[in-house]
């Protein structure tokens, strides 16, 4: 199944403590964004790469990836805005949306994701939650959630492009902002997103402590 990869790289490094975009941080001789670009460049079913970056990083990103990315565009003020801009550049009916702050990508998981898209218009990688998750009120613990009913979503996530465009437009009209595209599909369509098993190594770089883990994983 041919698809367009929309790679999101328009974030910052503030939570990690960097004064630059965290996906431009180098690990093992590559910047973090390289790992996602190289994966999709080599994956046979990926026929188009749309790379979404910030205006601050555009010149650097353009110079580095113009020979491998089909489109390099400046993102929006939010993740949701950036995805929408990427969708408007994509040419394939299927899109995979990936946060480049997750540099480890398991090809077997992407195979499974693409297989699931044969019967689903919206699907995501996810892993079972292993920690005990508790609701809080202030500094008080109120309710322990059943982790057997919980999963942690990962990216890439796969979608019918037309469906995702439709729910993004409805979300904009409703002034609803989400940090996950399956949330938009659930809220603004009749489609119930599915999931396939991800990989615990596909962690998202969020804090400085994550760097040490990624140096082992990658």
C-alpha atoms as a PDB file:
ATOM      1  CA  UNK A   1       0.000   0.000   0.000  1.00  0.00           C
ATOM      2  CA  UNK A   2       1.598   3.243  -1.189  1.00  0.00           C
ATOM      3  CA  UNK A   3       1.530   6.166   1.221  1.00  0.00           C
ATOM      4  CA  UNK A   4       2.810   9.652   1.954  1.00  0.00           C
ATOM      5  CA  UNK A   5       4.846  10.100   5.121  1.00  0.00           C
ATOM      6  CA  UNK A   6       4.166  13.391   6.887  1.00  0.00           C
ATOM      7  CA  UNK A   7       7.119  13.920   9.207  1.00  0.00           C
ATOM      8  CA  UNK A   8       6.604  16.527  11.909  1.00  0.00           C
ATOM      9  CA  UNK A   9       9.734  18.408  12.962  1.00  0.00           C
ATOM     10  CA  UNK A  10       8.434  21.832  13.953  1.00  0.00           C
ATOM     11  CA  UNK A  11       8.822  21.479  17.710  1.00  0.00           C
ATOM     12  CA  UNK A  12      11.276  23.027  20.140  1.00  0.00           C
ATOM     13  CA  UNK A  13      13.724  21.870  22.770  1.00  0.00           C
ATOM     14  CA  UNK A  14      12.409  23.789  25.762  1.00  0.00           C
ATOM     15  CA  UNK A  15      11.269  20.795  27.836  1.00  0.00           C
ATOM     16  CA  UNK A  16      14.562  19.023  27.160  1.00  0.00           C
ATOM     17  CA  UNK A  17      16.459  22.132  28.189  1.00  0.00           C
ATOM     18  CA  UNK A  18      17.828  22.952  24.725  1.00  0.00           C
ATOM     19  CA  UNK A  19      17.823  26.377  23.126  1.00  0.00           C
ATOM     20  CA  UNK A  20      17.320  24.660  19.759  1.00  0.00           C
ATOM     21  CA  UNK A  21      14.895  22.145  18.260  1.00  0.00           C
ATOM     22  CA  UNK A  22      15.345  18.797  20.003  1.00  0.00           C
ATOM     23  CA  UNK A  23      15.115  16.815  16.746  1.00  0.00           C
ATOM     24  CA  UNK A  24      18.288  18.580  15.605  1.00  0.00           C
ATOM     25  CA  UNK A  25      20.192  17.110  18.552  1.00  0.00           C
ATOM     26  CA  UNK A  26      22.881  14.624  17.529  1.00  0.00           C
ATOM     27  CA  UNK A  27      22.943  11.033  18.748  1.00  0.00           C
ATOM     28  CA  UNK A  28      25.486   8.542  17.425  1.00  0.00           C
ATOM     29  CA  UNK A  29      26.652  10.775  14.608  1.00  0.00           C
ATOM     30  CA  UNK A  30      23.184  11.620  13.289  1.00  0.00           C
ATOM     31  CA  UNK A  31      20.705  14.269  14.249  1.00  0.00           C
ATOM     32  CA  UNK A  32      17.453  12.806  15.533  1.00  0.00           C
ATOM     33  CA  UNK A  33      15.478  13.879  12.471  1.00  0.00           C
ATOM     34  CA  UNK A  34      17.847  11.867  10.253  1.00  0.00           C
ATOM     35  CA  UNK A  35      16.531   8.604  11.656  1.00  0.00           C
ATOM     36  CA  UNK A  36      12.948   9.233  10.535  1.00  0.00           C
ATOM     37  CA  UNK A  37      13.949  10.625   7.151  1.00  0.00           C
ATOM     38  CA  UNK A  38      16.232   7.689   6.400  1.00  0.00           C
ATOM     39  CA  UNK A  39      13.622   5.139   7.459  1.00  0.00           C
ATOM     40  CA  UNK A  40      10.889   6.450   5.197  1.00  0.00           C
ATOM     41  CA  UNK A  41      13.329   7.111   2.376  1.00  0.00           C
ATOM     42  CA  UNK A  42      14.124   3.375   2.338  1.00  0.00           C
ATOM     43  CA  UNK A  43      10.680   1.948   3.130  1.00  0.00           C
ATOM     44  CA  UNK A  44       9.325   0.558  -0.180  1.00  0.00           C
ATOM     45  CA  UNK A  45       5.700   1.702   0.164  1.00  0.00           C
ATOM     46  CA  UNK A  46       6.608   5.286   1.036  1.00  0.00           C
ATOM     47  CA  UNK A  47       6.250   7.160  -2.231  1.00  0.00           C
ATOM     48  CA  UNK A  48       6.349  10.718  -0.898  1.00  0.00           C
ATOM     49  CA  UNK A  49       7.826  12.536   2.075  1.00  0.00           C
ATOM     50  CA  UNK A  50       6.331  15.773   3.373  1.00  0.00           C
ATOM     51  CA  UNK A  51       8.616  17.325   5.975  1.00  0.00           C
ATOM     52  CA  UNK A  52       7.091  19.969   8.234  1.00  0.00           C
ATOM     53  CA  UNK A  53       9.494  22.222  10.133  1.00  0.00           C
ATOM     54  CA  UNK A  54       9.534  25.594  11.866  1.00  0.00           C
ATOM     55  CA  UNK A  55      10.358  28.836  10.095  1.00  0.00           C
ATOM     56  CA  UNK A  56      13.389  29.165  12.394  1.00  0.00           C
ATOM     57  CA  UNK A  57      14.825  25.837  11.159  1.00  0.00           C
ATOM     58  CA  UNK A  58      13.649  26.031   7.552  1.00  0.00           C
ATOM     59  CA  UNK A  59      16.925  27.009   5.889  1.00  0.00           C
ATOM     60  CA  UNK A  60      18.893  24.314   7.701  1.00  0.00           C
ATOM     61  CA  UNK A  61      16.258  21.639   7.061  1.00  0.00           C
ATOM     62  CA  UNK A  62      15.852  22.615   3.415  1.00  0.00           C
ATOM     63  CA  UNK A  63      19.581  22.471   2.736  1.00  0.00           C
ATOM     64  CA  UNK A  64      19.927  19.117   4.477  1.00  0.00           C
ATOM     65  CA  UNK A  65      16.898  17.272   3.089  1.00  0.00           C
ATOM     66  CA  UNK A  66      15.891  18.897  -0.198  1.00  0.00           C
ATOM     67  CA  UNK A  67      17.256  15.925  -2.151  1.00  0.00           C
ATOM     68  CA  UNK A  68      15.179  13.352  -0.234  1.00  0.00           C
ATOM     69  CA  UNK A  69      11.980  15.124   0.838  1.00  0.00           C
ATOM     70  CA  UNK A  70       9.343  15.841  -1.805  1.00  0.00           C
ATOM     71  CA  UNK A  71       8.017  18.839   0.099  1.00  0.00           C
ATOM     72  CA  UNK A  72       9.573  20.851   2.915  1.00  0.00           C
ATOM     73  CA  UNK A  73       7.101  23.279   4.438  1.00  0.00           C
ATOM     74  CA  UNK A  74       6.775  25.557   7.444  1.00  0.00           C
ATOM     75  CA  UNK A  75       4.343  24.268  10.048  1.00  0.00           C
ATOM     76  CA  UNK A  76       1.679  26.045  12.044  1.00  0.00           C
ATOM     77  CA  UNK A  77       1.411  27.324  15.574  1.00  0.00           C
ATOM     78  CA  UNK A  78       0.266  23.918  16.879  1.00  0.00           C
ATOM     79  CA  UNK A  79       0.910  20.294  16.001  1.00  0.00           C
ATOM     80  CA  UNK A  80      -2.602  20.109  14.590  1.00  0.00           C
ATOM     81  CA  UNK A  81      -1.954  23.076  12.297  1.00  0.00           C
ATOM     82  CA  UNK A  82       1.281  21.467  11.118  1.00  0.00           C
ATOM     83  CA  UNK A  83      -0.431  18.180  10.274  1.00  0.00           C
ATOM     84  CA  UNK A  84      -3.120  20.025   8.329  1.00  0.00           C
ATOM     85  CA  UNK A  85      -0.513  21.873   6.275  1.00  0.00           C
ATOM     86  CA  UNK A  86       1.204  18.588   5.537  1.00  0.00           C
ATOM     87  CA  UNK A  87      -2.064  16.961   4.478  1.00  0.00           C
ATOM     88  CA  UNK A  88      -2.630  19.688   1.929  1.00  0.00           C
ATOM     89  CA  UNK A  89       0.678  18.809   0.254  1.00  0.00           C
ATOM     90  CA  UNK A  90       0.247  15.024   0.295  1.00  0.00           C
ATOM     91  CA  UNK A  91      -0.658  13.365  -2.991  1.00  0.00           C
ATOM     92  CA  UNK A  92      -1.398   9.774  -1.902  1.00  0.00           C
ATOM     93  CA  UNK A  93      -4.739   8.546  -0.567  1.00  0.00           C
ATOM     94  CA  UNK A  94      -3.017   7.076   2.488  1.00  0.00           C
ATOM     95  CA  UNK A  95      -0.861   9.117   4.872  1.00  0.00           C
ATOM     96  CA  UNK A  96       1.327   8.122   7.780  1.00  0.00           C
ATOM     97  CA  UNK A  97       1.825  10.928  10.291  1.00  0.00           C
ATOM     98  CA  UNK A  98       4.999  10.652  12.365  1.00  0.00           C
ATOM     99  CA  UNK A  99       6.502  12.729  15.161  1.00  0.00           C
ATOM    100  CA  UNK A 100      10.219  12.865  14.409  1.00  0.00           C
ATOM    101  CA  UNK A 101      10.963  13.095  18.145  1.00  0.00           C
ATOM    102  CA  UNK A 102      10.434   9.298  17.995  1.00  0.00           C
ATOM    103  CA  UNK A 103      13.589   8.317  16.090  1.00  0.00           C
ATOM    104  CA  UNK A 104      13.287   4.540  16.547  1.00  0.00           C
ATOM    105  CA  UNK A 105      10.941   3.031  13.963  1.00  0.00           C
ATOM    106  CA  UNK A 106      10.361  -0.717  13.716  1.00  0.00           C
ATOM    107  CA  UNK A 107       9.744  -1.776  10.117  1.00  0.00           C
ATOM    108  CA  UNK A 108       7.659  -4.786  11.200  1.00  0.00           C
ATOM    109  CA  UNK A 109       5.339  -2.403  13.053  1.00  0.00           C
ATOM    110  CA  UNK A 110       4.972  -0.264   9.936  1.00  0.00           C
ATOM    111  CA  UNK A 111       4.178  -3.401   7.939  1.00  0.00           C
ATOM    112  CA  UNK A 112       1.418  -4.211  10.432  1.00  0.00           C
ATOM    113  CA  UNK A 113       0.132  -0.632  10.359  1.00  0.00           C
ATOM    114  CA  UNK A 114      -0.123  -0.712   6.565  1.00  0.00           C
ATOM    115  CA  UNK A 115      -1.864  -4.094   6.675  1.00  0.00           C
ATOM    116  CA  UNK A 116      -4.416  -2.694   9.122  1.00  0.00           C
ATOM    117  CA  UNK A 117      -5.124   0.195   6.770  1.00  0.00           C
ATOM    118  CA  UNK A 118      -6.536  -2.319   4.288  1.00  0.00           C
ATOM    119  CA  UNK A 119      -9.628  -2.507   6.510  1.00  0.00           C
ATOM    120  CA  UNK A 120      -9.379   0.606   8.673  1.00  0.00           C
ATOM    121  CA  UNK A 121      -9.404   4.274   7.693  1.00  0.00           C
ATOM    122  CA  UNK A 122      -7.582   5.301  10.866  1.00  0.00           C
ATOM    123  CA  UNK A 123      -5.065   3.292  12.838  1.00  0.00           C
ATOM    124  CA  UNK A 124      -2.147   3.861  15.167  1.00  0.00           C
ATOM    125  CA  UNK A 125       0.760   2.107  16.769  1.00  0.00           C
ATOM    126  CA  UNK A 126       0.263   1.607  20.506  1.00  0.00           C
ATOM    127  CA  UNK A 127       1.681  -0.365  23.416  1.00  0.00           C
ATOM    128  CA  UNK A 128      -0.013  -1.628  26.582  1.00  0.00           C
ATOM    129  CA  UNK A 129       0.455   0.548  29.652  1.00  0.00           C
ATOM    130  CA  UNK A 130       2.677  -1.161  32.220  1.00  0.00           C
ATOM    131  CA  UNK A 131       2.706   1.484  34.965  1.00  0.00           C
ATOM    132  CA  UNK A 132      -0.057   1.997  37.480  1.00  0.00           C
ATOM    133  CA  UNK A 133      -2.021   5.060  36.340  1.00  0.00           C
ATOM    134  CA  UNK A 134      -3.930   7.070  38.948  1.00  0.00           C
ATOM    135  CA  UNK A 135      -6.247  10.060  38.611  1.00  0.00           C
ATOM    136  CA  UNK A 136      -5.308  12.994  40.814  1.00  0.00           C
ATOM    137  CA  UNK A 137      -6.979  16.000  42.389  1.00  0.00           C
ATOM    138  CA  UNK A 138      -4.387  18.529  43.456  1.00  0.00           C
ATOM    139  CA  UNK A 139      -1.781  16.428  45.251  1.00  0.00           C
ATOM    140  CA  UNK A 140      -4.298  13.723  46.207  1.00  0.00           C
ATOM    141  CA  UNK A 141      -4.768  10.382  44.478  1.00  0.00           C
ATOM    142  CA  UNK A 142      -8.405   9.720  43.615  1.00  0.00           C
ATOM    143  CA  UNK A 143      -8.796   6.661  41.405  1.00  0.00           C
ATOM    144  CA  UNK A 144      -6.578   3.896  40.048  1.00  0.00           C
ATOM    145  CA  UNK A 145      -7.352   3.165  36.408  1.00  0.00           C
ATOM    146  CA  UNK A 146      -7.443  -0.391  35.082  1.00  0.00           C
ATOM    147  CA  UNK A 147      -4.264  -0.643  33.033  1.00  0.00           C
ATOM    148  CA  UNK A 148      -5.696  -3.651  31.193  1.00  0.00           C
ATOM    149  CA  UNK A 149      -7.977  -1.147  29.486  1.00  0.00           C
ATOM    150  CA  UNK A 150      -5.232   1.377  28.690  1.00  0.00           C
ATOM    151  CA  UNK A 151      -2.760   1.739  25.861  1.00  0.00           C
ATOM    152  CA  UNK A 152      -0.120   4.364  25.110  1.00  0.00           C
ATOM    153  CA  UNK A 153      -0.323   5.728  21.583  1.00  0.00           C
ATOM    154  CA  UNK A 154       2.748   6.053  19.399  1.00  0.00           C
ATOM    155  CA  UNK A 155       3.480   7.258  15.895  1.00  0.00           C
ATOM    156  CA  UNK A 156       3.370   6.761  12.992  1.00  0.00           C
ATOM    157  CA  UNK A 157      -0.391   6.793  12.739  1.00  0.00           C
ATOM    158  CA  UNK A 158      -2.068   5.886   9.457  1.00  0.00           C
ATOM    159  CA  UNK A 159      -5.129   7.457   7.848  1.00  0.00           C
ATOM    160  CA  UNK A 160      -7.236   7.787   4.782  1.00  0.00           C
ATOM    161  CA  UNK A 161      -6.101  11.260   3.728  1.00  0.00           C
ATOM    162  CA  UNK A 162      -9.580  12.431   2.761  1.00  0.00           C
ATOM    163  CA  UNK A 163     -10.985  11.405   6.142  1.00  0.00           C
ATOM    164  CA  UNK A 164      -8.197  13.144   8.028  1.00  0.00           C
ATOM    165  CA  UNK A 165      -8.619  16.333   6.015  1.00  0.00           C
ATOM    166  CA  UNK A 166     -12.349  16.295   6.726  1.00  0.00           C
ATOM    167  CA  UNK A 167     -11.960  15.933  10.511  1.00  0.00           C
ATOM    168  CA  UNK A 168      -9.226  18.571  10.617  1.00  0.00           C
ATOM    169  CA  UNK A 169     -11.538  21.038   8.889  1.00  0.00           C
ATOM    170  CA  UNK A 170     -14.362  20.226  11.284  1.00  0.00           C
ATOM    171  CA  UNK A 171     -12.001  20.658  14.242  1.00  0.00           C
ATOM    172  CA  UNK A 172     -10.877  24.064  12.973  1.00  0.00           C
ATOM    173  CA  UNK A 173     -14.478  25.150  12.538  1.00  0.00           C
ATOM    174  CA  UNK A 174     -15.216  24.020  16.118  1.00  0.00           C
ATOM    175  CA  UNK A 175     -11.990  25.621  17.395  1.00  0.00           C
ATOM    176  CA  UNK A 176     -10.952  22.278  18.860  1.00  0.00           C
ATOM    177  CA  UNK A 177      -7.240  21.561  19.183  1.00  0.00           C
ATOM    178  CA  UNK A 178      -5.865  18.063  19.749  1.00  0.00           C
ATOM    179  CA  UNK A 179      -2.392  16.629  20.203  1.00  0.00           C
ATOM    180  CA  UNK A 180      -3.356  13.389  18.461  1.00  0.00           C
ATOM    181  CA  UNK A 181      -5.054  12.805  15.127  1.00  0.00           C
ATOM    182  CA  UNK A 182      -7.014   9.733  16.203  1.00  0.00           C
ATOM    183  CA  UNK A 183      -8.748  12.024  18.716  1.00  0.00           C
ATOM    184  CA  UNK A 184     -10.016  14.136  15.813  1.00  0.00           C
ATOM    185  CA  UNK A 185     -11.255  11.063  13.964  1.00  0.00           C
ATOM    186  CA  UNK A 186     -13.187   9.874  17.038  1.00  0.00           C
ATOM    187  CA  UNK A 187     -14.723  13.270  17.703  1.00  0.00           C
ATOM    188  CA  UNK A 188     -15.564  14.423  14.203  1.00  0.00           C
ATOM    189  CA  UNK A 189     -16.424  11.275  12.248  1.00  0.00           C
ATOM    190  CA  UNK A 190     -18.212   7.948  12.606  1.00  0.00           C
ATOM    191  CA  UNK A 191     -14.945   6.047  12.211  1.00  0.00           C
ATOM    192  CA  UNK A 192     -13.601   4.204  15.248  1.00  0.00           C
ATOM    193  CA  UNK A 193      -9.779   4.174  15.003  1.00  0.00           C
ATOM    194  CA  UNK A 194      -7.990   0.879  15.471  1.00  0.00           C
ATOM    195  CA  UNK A 195      -4.484   0.061  16.659  1.00  0.00           C
ATOM    196  CA  UNK A 196      -1.691  -2.418  16.104  1.00  0.00           C
ATOM    197  CA  UNK A 197       1.122  -3.321  18.442  1.00  0.00           C
ATOM    198  CA  UNK A 198       3.941  -0.816  18.553  1.00  0.00           C
ATOM    199  CA  UNK A 199       7.410  -1.127  20.058  1.00  0.00           C
ATOM    200  CA  UNK A 200       8.410   0.071  23.519  1.00  0.00           C
ATOM    201  CA  UNK A 201      11.693   1.291  22.022  1.00  0.00           C
ATOM    202  CA  UNK A 202       9.756   3.872  20.010  1.00  0.00           C
ATOM    203  CA  UNK A 203       9.994   6.394  22.817  1.00  0.00           C
ATOM    204  CA  UNK A 204       9.521  10.109  22.382  1.00  0.00           C
ATOM    205  CA  UNK A 205      12.337  12.470  23.282  1.00  0.00           C
ATOM    206  CA  UNK A 206      10.754  14.664  25.943  1.00  0.00           C
ATOM    207  CA  UNK A 207      13.297  15.167  28.731  1.00  0.00           C
ATOM    208  CA  UNK A 208      17.075  15.131  29.047  1.00  0.00           C
ATOM    209  CA  UNK A 209      16.886  11.712  30.685  1.00  0.00           C
ATOM    210  CA  UNK A 210      15.452  10.335  27.433  1.00  0.00           C
ATOM    211  CA  UNK A 211      18.680  11.126  25.600  1.00  0.00           C
ATOM    212  CA  UNK A 212      20.629   8.505  27.550  1.00  0.00           C
ATOM    213  CA  UNK A 213      17.984   5.902  26.739  1.00  0.00           C
ATOM    214  CA  UNK A 214      17.967   6.781  23.046  1.00  0.00           C
ATOM    215  CA  UNK A 215      21.739   6.446  22.934  1.00  0.00           C
ATOM    216  CA  UNK A 216      21.248   2.801  23.930  1.00  0.00           C
ATOM    217  CA  UNK A 217      18.224   2.137  21.702  1.00  0.00           C
ATOM    218  CA  UNK A 218      19.447   3.665  18.433  1.00  0.00           C
END
